[in-house]
């Protein structure tokens, strides 16, 4: 059994491969700051999905997993129902797994909103 905490970043996904670029960049930056593995899982279009990502980490011996939703808004059925239901199902399947879902969505964090405001202001200034 591996003792480090693993992180699963769950994102929506898209059939356009360019869509995943910022999510992969986020995962890379988090790997620089975090001791355990960081993987990205998707709700659709891309692989791995959340179940496959958790099962792969479990098979590798990880028993402490944190799930973070890489969405802009904590509203909507994915954040309020789909992801929590999937996490609960996986936790029930593996009673020895400590699987914790961070509530909400990363995009609603004040630092993210501020970073988006700075980026939007810069983009608007560049248009002039």
N, C-alpha and C. Protein backbone atom coordinates (compact mmCIF):
# COMPACT_ATOMS: atom_id res chain seq x y z
N UNK A 1 0.85 -1.19 0.00
CA UNK A 1 0.00 0.00 0.00
C UNK A 1 0.88 1.24 0.00
N UNK A 2 0.51 2.22 -0.80
CA UNK A 2 1.23 3.47 -0.89
C UNK A 2 0.67 4.45 0.13
N UNK A 3 1.56 5.20 0.78
CA UNK A 3 1.10 6.08 1.85
C UNK A 3 0.79 7.50 1.41
N UNK A 4 1.29 7.96 0.27
CA UNK A 4 1.04 9.33 -0.14
C UNK A 4 -0.40 9.49 -0.64
N UNK A 5 -0.91 10.70 -0.46
CA UNK A 5 -2.24 11.01 -0.97
C UNK A 5 -2.15 11.26 -2.47
N UNK A 6 -3.07 10.70 -3.21
CA UNK A 6 -3.17 10.92 -4.66
C UNK A 6 -4.30 11.90 -4.91
N UNK A 7 -4.16 12.67 -5.98
CA UNK A 7 -5.16 13.67 -6.34
C UNK A 7 -5.73 13.31 -7.70
N UNK A 8 -7.06 13.37 -7.79
CA UNK A 8 -7.75 13.21 -9.06
C UNK A 8 -8.45 14.52 -9.37
N UNK A 9 -8.03 15.14 -10.46
CA UNK A 9 -8.70 16.35 -10.96
C UNK A 9 -9.76 15.88 -11.94
N UNK A 10 -11.01 16.11 -11.63
CA UNK A 10 -12.08 15.67 -12.54
C UNK A 10 -12.57 16.88 -13.32
N UNK A 11 -12.58 16.70 -14.65
CA UNK A 11 -12.98 17.77 -15.55
C UNK A 11 -14.05 17.25 -16.50
N UNK A 12 -14.70 18.16 -17.19
CA UNK A 12 -15.81 17.78 -18.06
C UNK A 12 -15.36 16.95 -19.24
N UNK A 13 -14.41 17.45 -20.02
CA UNK A 13 -13.97 16.76 -21.23
C UNK A 13 -14.63 17.34 -22.46
N UNK A 14 -14.00 17.08 -23.61
CA UNK A 14 -14.49 17.57 -24.89
C UNK A 14 -13.91 16.72 -26.00
N UNK A 15 -14.61 16.59 -27.11
CA UNK A 15 -14.02 15.85 -28.23
C UNK A 15 -12.86 16.61 -28.89
N UNK A 16 -12.74 17.91 -28.63
CA UNK A 16 -11.65 18.70 -29.18
C UNK A 16 -10.41 18.50 -28.31
N UNK A 17 -9.33 17.95 -28.84
CA UNK A 17 -8.14 17.68 -28.03
C UNK A 17 -7.50 18.94 -27.44
N UNK A 18 -7.71 20.10 -28.05
CA UNK A 18 -7.17 21.35 -27.51
C UNK A 18 -7.82 21.73 -26.19
N UNK A 19 -9.02 21.21 -25.95
CA UNK A 19 -9.75 21.54 -24.74
C UNK A 19 -8.97 21.15 -23.49
N UNK A 20 -8.24 20.05 -23.57
CA UNK A 20 -7.56 19.52 -22.38
C UNK A 20 -6.27 20.24 -22.02
N UNK A 21 -5.77 21.11 -22.89
CA UNK A 21 -4.47 21.75 -22.67
C UNK A 21 -4.40 22.48 -21.32
N UNK A 22 -5.34 23.37 -20.97
CA UNK A 22 -5.21 24.05 -19.68
C UNK A 22 -5.40 23.11 -18.48
N UNK A 23 -6.19 22.07 -18.63
CA UNK A 23 -6.38 21.12 -17.54
C UNK A 23 -5.09 20.34 -17.31
N UNK A 24 -4.44 19.92 -18.40
CA UNK A 24 -3.16 19.23 -18.28
C UNK A 24 -2.10 20.16 -17.68
N UNK A 25 -2.14 21.45 -18.04
CA UNK A 25 -1.20 22.41 -17.46
C UNK A 25 -1.44 22.57 -15.96
N UNK A 26 -2.70 22.61 -15.56
CA UNK A 26 -3.03 22.66 -14.13
C UNK A 26 -2.47 21.44 -13.41
N UNK A 27 -2.68 20.26 -13.97
CA UNK A 27 -2.17 19.03 -13.36
C UNK A 27 -0.64 19.08 -13.23
N UNK A 28 0.03 19.56 -14.26
CA UNK A 28 1.50 19.65 -14.22
C UNK A 28 1.96 20.61 -13.13
N UNK A 29 1.28 21.75 -13.01
CA UNK A 29 1.65 22.72 -11.97
C UNK A 29 1.39 22.15 -10.58
N UNK A 30 0.30 21.43 -10.42
CA UNK A 30 0.00 20.82 -9.13
C UNK A 30 1.02 19.74 -8.78
N UNK A 31 1.47 18.98 -9.76
CA UNK A 31 2.51 17.96 -9.51
C UNK A 31 3.79 18.59 -8.96
N UNK A 32 4.08 19.82 -9.36
CA UNK A 32 5.26 20.52 -8.85
C UNK A 32 5.12 20.86 -7.37
N UNK A 33 3.88 20.97 -6.90
CA UNK A 33 3.62 21.41 -5.53
C UNK A 33 3.17 20.29 -4.60
N UNK A 34 2.93 19.12 -5.14
CA UNK A 34 2.29 18.06 -4.38
C UNK A 34 3.15 16.80 -4.43
N UNK A 35 3.27 16.12 -3.31
CA UNK A 35 4.14 14.96 -3.21
C UNK A 35 3.58 13.70 -3.88
N UNK A 36 2.28 13.53 -3.86
CA UNK A 36 1.67 12.32 -4.42
C UNK A 36 1.33 12.47 -5.88
N UNK A 37 0.84 11.41 -6.50
CA UNK A 37 0.46 11.48 -7.91
C UNK A 37 -0.76 12.38 -8.11
N UNK A 38 -0.78 13.02 -9.27
CA UNK A 38 -1.90 13.87 -9.69
C UNK A 38 -2.33 13.38 -11.06
N UNK A 39 -3.59 12.96 -11.17
CA UNK A 39 -4.11 12.48 -12.45
C UNK A 39 -5.36 13.29 -12.81
N UNK A 40 -5.65 13.32 -14.11
CA UNK A 40 -6.85 14.00 -14.59
C UNK A 40 -7.83 12.93 -15.05
N UNK A 41 -9.09 13.09 -14.66
CA UNK A 41 -10.17 12.21 -15.10
C UNK A 41 -11.24 13.08 -15.75
N UNK A 42 -12.00 12.48 -16.64
CA UNK A 42 -12.99 13.23 -17.40
C UNK A 42 -14.37 12.61 -17.28
N UNK A 43 -15.38 13.46 -17.37
CA UNK A 43 -16.76 12.97 -17.33
C UNK A 43 -17.21 12.48 -18.70
N UNK A 44 -16.55 12.90 -19.74
CA UNK A 44 -16.93 12.47 -21.07
C UNK A 44 -15.89 12.82 -22.11
N UNK A 45 -15.96 12.12 -23.23
CA UNK A 45 -15.17 12.37 -24.43
C UNK A 45 -13.70 11.94 -24.33
N UNK A 46 -13.07 12.10 -23.18
CA UNK A 46 -11.66 11.79 -23.02
C UNK A 46 -11.49 10.71 -21.96
N UNK A 47 -10.33 10.10 -21.97
CA UNK A 47 -10.02 9.08 -20.98
C UNK A 47 -8.79 9.49 -20.20
N UNK A 48 -8.71 9.04 -18.95
CA UNK A 48 -9.62 8.10 -18.31
C UNK A 48 -10.84 8.80 -17.73
N UNK A 49 -11.89 8.04 -17.51
CA UNK A 49 -13.02 8.60 -16.77
C UNK A 49 -12.69 8.49 -15.28
N UNK A 50 -13.56 9.02 -14.44
CA UNK A 50 -13.30 9.05 -13.00
C UNK A 50 -13.12 7.65 -12.43
N UNK A 51 -13.98 6.73 -12.83
CA UNK A 51 -13.88 5.36 -12.33
C UNK A 51 -12.54 4.74 -12.69
N UNK A 52 -12.13 4.86 -13.94
CA UNK A 52 -10.87 4.26 -14.38
C UNK A 52 -9.68 4.89 -13.67
N UNK A 53 -9.71 6.20 -13.47
CA UNK A 53 -8.61 6.87 -12.78
C UNK A 53 -8.48 6.38 -11.34
N UNK A 54 -9.61 6.29 -10.64
CA UNK A 54 -9.59 5.83 -9.25
C UNK A 54 -9.16 4.37 -9.19
N UNK A 55 -9.69 3.54 -10.08
CA UNK A 55 -9.32 2.13 -10.08
C UNK A 55 -7.83 1.93 -10.36
N UNK A 56 -7.27 2.74 -11.25
CA UNK A 56 -5.84 2.64 -11.54
C UNK A 56 -4.99 3.02 -10.33
N UNK A 57 -5.38 4.09 -9.65
CA UNK A 57 -4.66 4.48 -8.45
C UNK A 57 -4.81 3.43 -7.35
N UNK A 58 -6.00 2.88 -7.22
CA UNK A 58 -6.25 1.84 -6.23
C UNK A 58 -5.38 0.61 -6.52
N UNK A 59 -5.34 0.21 -7.77
CA UNK A 59 -4.53 -0.95 -8.17
C UNK A 59 -3.05 -0.71 -7.91
N UNK A 60 -2.62 0.55 -7.97
CA UNK A 60 -1.22 0.89 -7.72
C UNK A 60 -0.92 0.98 -6.22
N UNK A 61 -1.94 0.76 -5.39
CA UNK A 61 -1.74 0.74 -3.95
C UNK A 61 -2.11 1.99 -3.20
N UNK A 62 -2.66 2.97 -3.88
CA UNK A 62 -3.06 4.20 -3.20
C UNK A 62 -4.38 3.98 -2.49
N UNK A 63 -4.42 4.37 -1.22
CA UNK A 63 -5.63 4.20 -0.42
C UNK A 63 -6.15 5.51 0.15
N UNK A 64 -5.51 6.61 -0.22
CA UNK A 64 -5.93 7.94 0.21
C UNK A 64 -6.00 8.82 -1.03
N UNK A 65 -7.21 9.14 -1.48
CA UNK A 65 -7.41 9.90 -2.71
C UNK A 65 -8.26 11.12 -2.43
N UNK A 66 -7.88 12.23 -3.04
CA UNK A 66 -8.67 13.46 -3.00
C UNK A 66 -9.16 13.76 -4.40
N UNK A 67 -10.41 14.12 -4.54
CA UNK A 67 -11.00 14.46 -5.83
C UNK A 67 -11.36 15.94 -5.82
N UNK A 68 -10.85 16.66 -6.85
CA UNK A 68 -11.15 18.08 -7.01
C UNK A 68 -11.82 18.28 -8.35
N UNK A 69 -12.89 19.04 -8.38
CA UNK A 69 -13.62 19.31 -9.62
C UNK A 69 -13.06 20.55 -10.31
N UNK A 70 -12.57 20.35 -11.52
CA UNK A 70 -12.00 21.45 -12.31
C UNK A 70 -13.12 22.00 -13.20
N UNK A 71 -14.04 22.68 -12.55
CA UNK A 71 -15.17 23.33 -13.21
C UNK A 71 -15.17 24.78 -12.76
N UNK A 72 -15.75 25.66 -13.56
CA UNK A 72 -15.83 27.07 -13.16
C UNK A 72 -16.89 27.30 -12.10
N UNK A 73 -18.00 26.60 -12.19
CA UNK A 73 -19.13 26.86 -11.29
C UNK A 73 -19.50 25.63 -10.48
N UNK A 74 -19.86 25.84 -9.22
CA UNK A 74 -20.32 24.72 -8.41
C UNK A 74 -21.78 24.34 -8.69
N UNK A 75 -22.42 25.06 -9.59
CA UNK A 75 -23.79 24.75 -9.96
C UNK A 75 -23.83 23.70 -11.05
N UNK A 76 -24.98 23.14 -11.25
CA UNK A 76 -25.16 22.16 -12.33
C UNK A 76 -25.11 20.73 -11.82
N UNK A 77 -25.65 19.84 -12.64
CA UNK A 77 -25.81 18.44 -12.21
C UNK A 77 -24.50 17.69 -12.07
N UNK A 78 -23.49 18.06 -12.83
CA UNK A 78 -22.22 17.34 -12.70
C UNK A 78 -21.63 17.51 -11.30
N UNK A 79 -21.59 18.74 -10.83
CA UNK A 79 -21.00 19.02 -9.52
C UNK A 79 -21.93 18.64 -8.38
N UNK A 80 -23.21 18.86 -8.57
CA UNK A 80 -24.16 18.59 -7.49
C UNK A 80 -24.57 17.12 -7.39
N UNK A 81 -24.50 16.38 -8.51
CA UNK A 81 -25.00 15.01 -8.47
C UNK A 81 -24.03 13.99 -9.08
N UNK A 82 -23.60 14.20 -10.32
CA UNK A 82 -22.84 13.16 -11.02
C UNK A 82 -21.52 12.81 -10.33
N UNK A 83 -20.71 13.82 -10.03
CA UNK A 83 -19.42 13.55 -9.40
C UNK A 83 -19.60 13.00 -7.99
N UNK A 84 -20.44 13.61 -7.13
CA UNK A 84 -20.62 13.02 -5.80
C UNK A 84 -21.15 11.58 -5.84
N UNK A 85 -22.07 11.29 -6.75
CA UNK A 85 -22.60 9.92 -6.86
C UNK A 85 -21.51 8.95 -7.29
N UNK A 86 -20.68 9.36 -8.24
CA UNK A 86 -19.60 8.49 -8.70
C UNK A 86 -18.59 8.24 -7.59
N UNK A 87 -18.24 9.28 -6.86
CA UNK A 87 -17.30 9.13 -5.75
C UNK A 87 -17.89 8.22 -4.67
N UNK A 88 -19.16 8.39 -4.34
CA UNK A 88 -19.80 7.54 -3.34
C UNK A 88 -19.81 6.07 -3.79
N UNK A 89 -20.09 5.84 -5.05
CA UNK A 89 -20.10 4.47 -5.57
C UNK A 89 -18.72 3.83 -5.50
N UNK A 90 -17.71 4.58 -5.84
CA UNK A 90 -16.34 4.05 -5.78
C UNK A 90 -15.91 3.80 -4.34
N UNK A 91 -16.29 4.69 -3.44
CA UNK A 91 -15.96 4.49 -2.03
C UNK A 91 -16.65 3.25 -1.47
N UNK A 92 -17.90 3.02 -1.89
CA UNK A 92 -18.62 1.84 -1.42
C UNK A 92 -17.99 0.56 -1.96
N UNK A 93 -17.45 0.62 -3.16
CA UNK A 93 -16.82 -0.55 -3.77
C UNK A 93 -15.52 -0.92 -3.07
N UNK A 94 -14.85 0.08 -2.49
CA UNK A 94 -13.55 -0.13 -1.84
C UNK A 94 -13.59 0.42 -0.42
N UNK A 95 -14.07 -0.36 0.54
CA UNK A 95 -14.18 0.15 1.91
C UNK A 95 -12.85 0.55 2.54
N UNK A 96 -11.75 0.03 2.03
CA UNK A 96 -10.44 0.38 2.57
C UNK A 96 -9.85 1.63 1.92
N UNK A 97 -10.59 2.25 1.04
CA UNK A 97 -10.14 3.44 0.32
C UNK A 97 -10.68 4.69 1.00
N UNK A 98 -9.78 5.60 1.32
CA UNK A 98 -10.20 6.91 1.83
C UNK A 98 -10.32 7.82 0.63
N UNK A 99 -11.54 8.05 0.19
CA UNK A 99 -11.82 8.81 -1.02
C UNK A 99 -12.62 10.04 -0.63
N UNK A 100 -11.98 11.20 -0.75
CA UNK A 100 -12.61 12.44 -0.30
C UNK A 100 -12.82 13.38 -1.48
N UNK A 101 -14.04 13.87 -1.60
CA UNK A 101 -14.40 14.83 -2.63
C UNK A 101 -14.40 16.23 -2.03
N UNK A 102 -13.59 17.10 -2.61
CA UNK A 102 -13.61 18.50 -2.20
C UNK A 102 -14.91 19.11 -2.70
N UNK A 103 -15.73 19.68 -1.84
CA UNK A 103 -17.00 20.25 -2.29
C UNK A 103 -16.79 21.40 -3.26
N UNK A 104 -17.74 21.58 -4.14
CA UNK A 104 -17.74 22.72 -5.04
C UNK A 104 -16.87 22.54 -6.26
N UNK A 105 -16.41 23.66 -6.79
CA UNK A 105 -15.62 23.66 -8.01
C UNK A 105 -14.46 24.65 -7.85
N UNK A 106 -13.31 24.30 -8.41
CA UNK A 106 -12.14 25.17 -8.28
C UNK A 106 -12.39 26.56 -8.84
N UNK A 107 -13.19 26.67 -9.88
CA UNK A 107 -13.45 27.96 -10.51
C UNK A 107 -14.17 28.95 -9.61
N UNK A 108 -14.79 28.48 -8.55
CA UNK A 108 -15.51 29.38 -7.65
C UNK A 108 -14.61 29.92 -6.53
N UNK A 109 -13.37 29.46 -6.48
CA UNK A 109 -12.45 29.93 -5.45
C UNK A 109 -12.08 31.40 -5.72
N UNK A 110 -11.98 32.21 -4.68
CA UNK A 110 -11.70 33.64 -4.87
C UNK A 110 -10.43 33.91 -5.68
N UNK A 111 -9.39 33.10 -5.49
CA UNK A 111 -8.14 33.31 -6.23
C UNK A 111 -8.33 33.05 -7.72
N UNK A 112 -9.17 32.09 -8.05
CA UNK A 112 -9.43 31.78 -9.46
C UNK A 112 -10.25 32.90 -10.09
N UNK A 113 -11.25 33.37 -9.38
CA UNK A 113 -12.06 34.47 -9.89
C UNK A 113 -11.19 35.71 -10.12
N UNK A 114 -10.29 35.99 -9.18
CA UNK A 114 -9.38 37.13 -9.34
C UNK A 114 -8.46 36.94 -10.54
N UNK A 115 -7.91 35.74 -10.70
CA UNK A 115 -7.03 35.46 -11.85
C UNK A 115 -7.78 35.61 -13.16
N UNK A 116 -9.03 35.18 -13.20
CA UNK A 116 -9.83 35.33 -14.41
C UNK A 116 -10.14 36.81 -14.69
N UNK A 117 -10.39 37.57 -13.63
CA UNK A 117 -10.64 39.01 -13.81
C UNK A 117 -9.40 39.71 -14.37
N UNK A 118 -8.23 39.35 -13.85
CA UNK A 118 -6.98 39.93 -14.35
C UNK A 118 -6.78 39.55 -15.82
N UNK A 119 -7.01 38.29 -16.14
CA UNK A 119 -6.85 37.85 -17.53
C UNK A 119 -7.87 38.53 -18.45
N UNK A 120 -9.10 38.68 -17.98
CA UNK A 120 -10.12 39.34 -18.79
C UNK A 120 -9.77 40.81 -19.02
N UNK A 121 -9.31 41.49 -17.97
CA UNK A 121 -8.92 42.90 -18.11
C UNK A 121 -7.76 43.03 -19.08
N UNK A 122 -6.80 42.14 -18.99
CA UNK A 122 -5.66 42.17 -19.92
C UNK A 122 -6.15 41.95 -21.35
N UNK A 123 -7.04 40.96 -21.54
CA UNK A 123 -7.57 40.69 -22.88
C UNK A 123 -8.34 41.88 -23.42
N UNK A 124 -9.11 42.52 -22.59
CA UNK A 124 -9.88 43.69 -23.03
C UNK A 124 -8.96 44.85 -23.35
N UNK A 125 -7.89 45.01 -22.60
CA UNK A 125 -6.92 46.07 -22.86
C UNK A 125 -6.15 45.81 -24.14
N UNK A 126 -5.93 44.58 -24.49
CA UNK A 126 -5.21 44.24 -25.70
C UNK A 126 -6.05 44.49 -26.94
N UNK A 127 -7.38 44.52 -26.76
CA UNK A 127 -8.28 44.74 -27.89
C UNK A 127 -8.33 46.21 -28.31
N UNK A 128 -7.84 47.10 -27.46
CA UNK A 128 -7.94 48.54 -27.74
C UNK A 128 -6.87 48.99 -28.70
